[in-house]
Amino acid sequence: MNYKELIISPYYGQIAEIYIEKGSRINEGEQLFSIHTLEGNIEYISFGIYGYIHSIEVCEGEDVIPGMVLAYVQTEF
């Protein structure tokens, strides 16, 4: 059975770098995005399970807020 999971931003800031692309296989804990926060820190976003990137909803340099969808992941259970 296939499921789509959300990867969301927990921060206010700007997408500094995207390490994945559509269709990429991701592993548990792999860094997917980095966000330059309003506080000036770089925070890394990872995902707790493996799967495939179904879509990426942001681009580098885009402003993000907490709860904003960064990507959808196709998982299999």
N, C-alpha and C. Protein backbone atom coordinates (compact mmCIF):
# COMPACT_ATOMS: atom_id res chain seq x y z
N MET A 1 0.83 -1.17 0.00
CA MET A 1 0.00 0.00 0.00
C MET A 1 0.89 1.25 0.00
N ASN A 2 0.56 2.25 -0.81
CA ASN A 2 1.34 3.48 -0.92
C ASN A 2 0.67 4.61 -0.15
N TYR A 3 1.50 5.44 0.49
CA TYR A 3 1.01 6.59 1.25
C TYR A 3 1.84 7.81 0.86
N LYS A 4 1.23 8.96 0.96
CA LYS A 4 1.97 10.21 0.77
C LYS A 4 2.08 10.90 2.13
N GLU A 5 3.31 11.21 2.50
CA GLU A 5 3.60 11.90 3.75
C GLU A 5 4.08 13.31 3.44
N LEU A 6 3.87 14.21 4.37
CA LEU A 6 4.30 15.60 4.21
C LEU A 6 5.63 15.83 4.91
N ILE A 7 6.46 16.63 4.29
CA ILE A 7 7.63 17.19 4.96
C ILE A 7 7.31 18.66 5.13
N ILE A 8 7.29 19.13 6.37
CA ILE A 8 6.89 20.52 6.62
C ILE A 8 8.04 21.29 7.28
N SER A 9 7.98 22.59 7.13
CA SER A 9 8.98 23.47 7.75
C SER A 9 8.60 23.71 9.21
N PRO A 10 9.55 23.55 10.12
CA PRO A 10 9.30 23.93 11.50
C PRO A 10 9.79 25.35 11.81
N TYR A 11 10.32 26.05 10.81
CA TYR A 11 10.99 27.33 11.03
C TYR A 11 10.44 28.45 10.15
N TYR A 12 10.63 29.67 10.61
CA TYR A 12 10.54 30.86 9.78
C TYR A 12 11.91 31.05 9.16
N GLY A 13 11.98 31.30 7.88
CA GLY A 13 13.27 31.54 7.25
C GLY A 13 13.20 31.43 5.75
N GLN A 14 14.30 30.98 5.17
CA GLN A 14 14.43 30.90 3.72
C GLN A 14 15.14 29.59 3.37
N ILE A 15 14.66 28.93 2.31
CA ILE A 15 15.30 27.69 1.86
C ILE A 15 16.71 28.02 1.38
N ALA A 16 17.71 27.47 2.06
CA ALA A 16 19.10 27.72 1.69
C ALA A 16 19.55 26.74 0.61
N GLU A 17 19.17 25.46 0.78
CA GLU A 17 19.59 24.44 -0.19
C GLU A 17 18.60 23.28 -0.18
N ILE A 18 18.41 22.69 -1.35
CA ILE A 18 17.58 21.50 -1.51
C ILE A 18 18.51 20.38 -1.97
N TYR A 19 18.54 19.28 -1.22
CA TYR A 19 19.47 18.19 -1.48
C TYR A 19 18.85 17.04 -2.26
N ILE A 20 17.60 17.17 -2.62
CA ILE A 20 16.85 16.09 -3.27
C ILE A 20 16.23 16.59 -4.56
N GLU A 21 15.69 15.68 -5.33
CA GLU A 21 14.90 16.04 -6.51
C GLU A 21 13.74 15.07 -6.64
N LYS A 22 12.78 15.44 -7.44
CA LYS A 22 11.60 14.58 -7.62
C LYS A 22 12.04 13.19 -8.07
N GLY A 23 11.48 12.18 -7.43
CA GLY A 23 11.80 10.79 -7.75
C GLY A 23 12.97 10.22 -6.97
N SER A 24 13.69 11.07 -6.22
CA SER A 24 14.82 10.60 -5.42
C SER A 24 14.35 9.63 -4.35
N ARG A 25 15.14 8.59 -4.11
CA ARG A 25 14.90 7.71 -2.98
C ARG A 25 15.58 8.34 -1.78
N ILE A 26 14.87 8.43 -0.67
CA ILE A 26 15.46 9.00 0.54
C ILE A 26 15.50 7.94 1.63
N ASN A 27 16.49 8.10 2.49
CA ASN A 27 16.68 7.18 3.61
C ASN A 27 16.30 7.89 4.91
N GLU A 28 15.95 7.11 5.89
CA GLU A 28 15.60 7.64 7.20
C GLU A 28 16.72 8.51 7.73
N GLY A 29 16.40 9.73 8.13
CA GLY A 29 17.37 10.64 8.72
C GLY A 29 18.22 11.42 7.73
N GLU A 30 18.07 11.16 6.45
CA GLU A 30 18.86 11.87 5.42
C GLU A 30 18.48 13.35 5.38
N GLN A 31 19.46 14.22 5.22
CA GLN A 31 19.18 15.66 5.11
C GLN A 31 18.55 15.94 3.75
N LEU A 32 17.41 16.64 3.79
CA LEU A 32 16.66 16.91 2.57
C LEU A 32 16.70 18.38 2.18
N PHE A 33 16.62 19.25 3.17
CA PHE A 33 16.61 20.70 2.96
C PHE A 33 17.46 21.35 4.04
N SER A 34 17.97 22.54 3.75
CA SER A 34 18.52 23.39 4.80
C SER A 34 17.78 24.72 4.73
N ILE A 35 17.51 25.27 5.92
CA ILE A 35 16.78 26.52 6.05
C ILE A 35 17.64 27.52 6.80
N HIS A 36 17.80 28.70 6.22
CA HIS A 36 18.46 29.81 6.92
C HIS A 36 17.38 30.51 7.73
N THR A 37 17.41 30.34 9.04
CA THR A 37 16.34 30.85 9.90
C THR A 37 16.46 32.36 10.10
N LEU A 38 15.39 32.95 10.59
CA LEU A 38 15.40 34.39 10.88
C LEU A 38 16.43 34.74 11.95
N GLU A 39 16.79 33.78 12.79
CA GLU A 39 17.79 34.00 13.84
C GLU A 39 19.21 33.93 13.29
N GLY A 40 19.35 33.57 12.00
CA GLY A 40 20.66 33.50 11.37
C GLY A 40 21.31 32.13 11.39
N ASN A 41 20.61 31.12 11.88
CA ASN A 41 21.14 29.76 11.93
C ASN A 41 20.79 29.00 10.65
N ILE A 42 21.58 27.98 10.34
CA ILE A 42 21.22 27.03 9.29
C ILE A 42 20.70 25.78 9.98
N GLU A 43 19.47 25.41 9.68
CA GLU A 43 18.84 24.21 10.25
C GLU A 43 18.58 23.22 9.13
N TYR A 44 18.80 21.95 9.41
CA TYR A 44 18.63 20.89 8.41
C TYR A 44 17.34 20.13 8.65
N ILE A 45 16.65 19.84 7.57
CA ILE A 45 15.38 19.12 7.63
C ILE A 45 15.60 17.70 7.10
N SER A 46 15.19 16.72 7.88
CA SER A 46 15.27 15.32 7.46
C SER A 46 13.90 14.68 7.67
N PHE A 47 13.79 13.40 7.31
CA PHE A 47 12.52 12.69 7.39
C PHE A 47 12.75 11.38 8.12
N GLY A 48 11.78 10.94 8.91
CA GLY A 48 11.95 9.80 9.79
C GLY A 48 11.79 8.42 9.17
N ILE A 49 11.39 8.34 7.91
CA ILE A 49 11.24 7.04 7.24
C ILE A 49 11.76 7.14 5.81
N TYR A 50 11.95 6.00 5.17
CA TYR A 50 12.44 6.03 3.79
C TYR A 50 11.27 6.07 2.82
N GLY A 51 11.57 6.48 1.60
CA GLY A 51 10.55 6.56 0.57
C GLY A 51 11.10 7.23 -0.67
N TYR A 52 10.21 7.75 -1.49
CA TYR A 52 10.58 8.44 -2.73
C TYR A 52 9.94 9.82 -2.73
N ILE A 53 10.67 10.80 -3.23
CA ILE A 53 10.13 12.16 -3.31
C ILE A 53 9.08 12.21 -4.41
N HIS A 54 7.85 12.47 -4.02
CA HIS A 54 6.75 12.58 -4.97
C HIS A 54 6.73 13.96 -5.62
N SER A 55 6.92 15.00 -4.81
CA SER A 55 6.99 16.37 -5.35
C SER A 55 7.71 17.26 -4.35
N ILE A 56 8.32 18.31 -4.88
CA ILE A 56 8.97 19.34 -4.08
C ILE A 56 8.17 20.62 -4.27
N GLU A 57 7.75 21.21 -3.18
CA GLU A 57 6.82 22.34 -3.23
C GLU A 57 7.49 23.70 -3.04
N VAL A 58 8.80 23.73 -2.85
CA VAL A 58 9.52 24.99 -2.64
C VAL A 58 10.75 25.01 -3.54
N CYS A 59 11.37 26.17 -3.63
CA CYS A 59 12.63 26.28 -4.38
C CYS A 59 13.64 27.03 -3.51
N GLU A 60 14.91 26.92 -3.86
CA GLU A 60 15.95 27.60 -3.10
C GLU A 60 15.70 29.10 -3.12
N GLY A 61 15.87 29.73 -1.97
CA GLY A 61 15.65 31.16 -1.84
C GLY A 61 14.23 31.54 -1.44
N GLU A 62 13.32 30.57 -1.44
CA GLU A 62 11.93 30.85 -1.09
C GLU A 62 11.77 31.01 0.42
N ASP A 63 10.95 31.98 0.82
CA ASP A 63 10.63 32.16 2.24
C ASP A 63 9.69 31.06 2.70
N VAL A 64 9.92 30.58 3.94
CA VAL A 64 9.06 29.54 4.51
C VAL A 64 8.62 29.96 5.91
N ILE A 65 7.52 29.35 6.34
CA ILE A 65 6.98 29.57 7.69
C ILE A 65 6.68 28.20 8.30
N PRO A 66 6.56 28.12 9.63
CA PRO A 66 6.22 26.85 10.25
C PRO A 66 4.90 26.29 9.69
N GLY A 67 4.91 25.00 9.39
CA GLY A 67 3.73 24.33 8.85
C GLY A 67 3.65 24.32 7.34
N MET A 68 4.51 25.06 6.68
CA MET A 68 4.51 25.11 5.21
C MET A 68 5.03 23.79 4.65
N VAL A 69 4.33 23.25 3.64
CA VAL A 69 4.74 21.98 3.03
C VAL A 69 5.96 22.21 2.15
N LEU A 70 7.02 21.44 2.42
CA LEU A 70 8.24 21.51 1.62
C LEU A 70 8.23 20.45 0.51
N ALA A 71 7.70 19.27 0.83
CA ALA A 71 7.69 18.18 -0.14
C ALA A 71 6.69 17.11 0.29
N TYR A 72 6.34 16.26 -0.67
CA TYR A 72 5.53 15.07 -0.41
C TYR A 72 6.39 13.85 -0.68
N VAL A 73 6.29 12.87 0.22
CA VAL A 73 7.06 11.64 0.10
C VAL A 73 6.12 10.47 -0.10
N GLN A 74 6.42 9.64 -1.08
CA GLN A 74 5.67 8.41 -1.32
C GLN A 74 6.34 7.30 -0.51
N THR A 75 5.60 6.70 0.40
CA THR A 75 6.13 5.63 1.23
C THR A 75 5.36 4.34 0.97
N GLU A 76 5.97 3.23 1.35
CA GLU A 76 5.29 1.93 1.24
C GLU A 76 5.37 1.24 2.59
N PHE A 77 4.24 0.70 3.02
CA PHE A 77 4.19 -0.04 4.28
C PHE A 77 3.77 -1.46 4.03
